[in-house]
Protein backbone atom coordinates (compact mmCIF):
# COMPACT_ATOMS: atom_id res chain seq x y z
CA ILE A 1 0.00 0.00 0.00
CA LEU A 2 1.43 3.33 -1.03
CA LYS A 3 1.43 6.02 1.58
CA SER A 4 0.07 9.39 0.68
CA LYS A 5 2.52 12.19 0.00
CA LEU A 6 1.49 13.85 3.26
CA GLU A 7 2.32 10.72 5.27
CA GLN A 8 5.70 10.54 3.57
CA SER A 9 6.55 14.21 3.97
CA ILE A 10 5.73 14.56 7.69
CA PRO A 11 8.71 12.50 8.98
CA LEU A 12 11.02 14.19 6.48
CA SER A 13 9.79 17.63 7.57
CA LEU A 14 10.24 16.75 11.25
CA PHE A 15 13.76 15.52 10.50
CA GLY A 16 14.56 18.77 8.69
CA ILE A 17 13.25 20.83 11.61
CA PHE A 18 15.32 18.75 14.04
CA ILE A 19 18.50 19.22 11.97
CA LEU A 20 17.87 22.97 11.68
CA ALA A 21 17.24 23.35 15.43
CA SER A 22 20.31 21.30 16.40
CA THR A 23 22.49 23.29 13.97
CA ILE A 24 21.27 26.58 15.43
CA LEU A 25 21.95 25.36 18.97
CA PHE A 26 25.39 24.09 17.98
CA LEU A 27 26.36 27.38 16.35
CA LYS A 28 24.86 29.47 19.16
CA PHE A 29 26.85 27.69 21.90
CA LYS A 30 29.80 29.88 22.86
CA VAL A 31 32.75 28.60 24.87
CA LYS A 32 33.23 30.84 27.91
CA ASP A 33 35.82 28.94 29.91
CA GLU A 34 37.63 25.62 30.19
CA ARG A 35 34.61 23.81 31.60
CA ASP A 36 32.46 24.80 28.64
CA TYR A 37 35.22 23.70 26.29
CA LEU A 38 35.53 20.35 28.07
CA ASN A 39 31.75 19.85 28.02
CA LYS A 40 31.62 20.58 24.30
CA MET A 41 34.49 18.17 23.65
CA MET A 42 32.85 15.42 25.70
CA ALA A 43 29.52 15.91 23.93
CA SER A 44 31.26 15.68 20.56
CA ARG A 45 33.15 12.56 21.56
CA ILE A 46 30.06 10.82 22.94
CA SER A 47 28.00 11.70 19.86
CA PHE A 48 30.79 10.36 17.61
CA ILE A 49 30.93 7.08 19.54
CA VAL A 50 27.15 6.64 19.49
CA THR A 51 27.01 7.39 15.76
CA TYR A 52 29.88 4.97 15.15
CA LEU A 53 28.08 2.22 17.08
CA LEU A 54 24.74 2.83 15.37
CA LEU A 55 26.25 2.81 11.90
CA SER A 56 28.19 -0.37 12.76
CA LEU A 57 24.99 -2.01 13.99
CA ALA A 58 23.13 -0.93 10.85
CA ILE A 59 25.86 -2.41 8.63
CA ILE A 60 25.80 -5.69 10.58
CA VAL A 61 22.00 -5.99 10.54
CA GLN A 62 21.79 -5.18 6.85
CA GLY A 63 24.65 -7.57 6.11
CA LEU A 64 22.83 -10.37 7.88
CA SER A 65 19.64 -9.63 5.94
CA HIS A 66 21.63 -9.48 2.66
CA SER A 67 20.31 -6.04 1.76
CA ILE A 68 23.09 -3.55 2.41
CA ASN A 69 22.36 0.12 1.84
CA TYR A 70 25.69 1.44 0.60
CA TRP A 71 24.95 4.98 1.80
CA ILE A 72 25.41 3.75 5.37
CA ILE A 73 28.86 2.40 4.51
CA TYR A 74 29.80 5.63 2.69
CA ILE A 75 28.72 7.73 5.68
CA PHE A 76 30.60 5.45 8.06
CA PHE A 77 33.87 5.69 6.13
CA THR A 78 33.45 9.43 5.58
CA MET A 79 32.99 9.95 9.31
CA ILE A 80 36.19 8.01 10.05
CA LEU A 81 38.12 9.74 7.24
CA VAL A 82 37.14 13.20 8.48
CA GLN A 83 38.22 12.28 12.00
CA LEU A 84 41.61 11.10 10.74
CA ILE A 85 42.10 14.22 8.64
CA VAL A 86 41.23 16.52 11.55
CA LEU A 87 43.50 14.63 13.96
CA THR A 88 46.37 14.77 11.46
CA TYR A 89 45.83 18.49 10.93
CA LEU A 90 45.71 19.20 14.66
CA LYS A 91 48.92 17.22 15.30
CA LYS A 92 50.73 19.14 12.53
CA LYS A 93 49.40 22.43 13.88
CA LYS A 94 51.06 21.90 17.28
């Protein structure tokens, strides 16, 4: 049964609103002292680990069901590649 366009667009719209709100909050957050900096670093690290675990789980589940969505693998490797590039840049910057 095909869903109506309204039923398909509601989750996509909610996702877009969530991304927009989280981007605004991320950009609005200003580091005032060392504690704020540490909190922001810890939040980034925890979100990276959770995303890493969820993408790994998605790849495993889809691999077991023999229907792998390659976008998940591309996102996973891009996330790791960006982390390696940033770490390399920061080590050279020191």
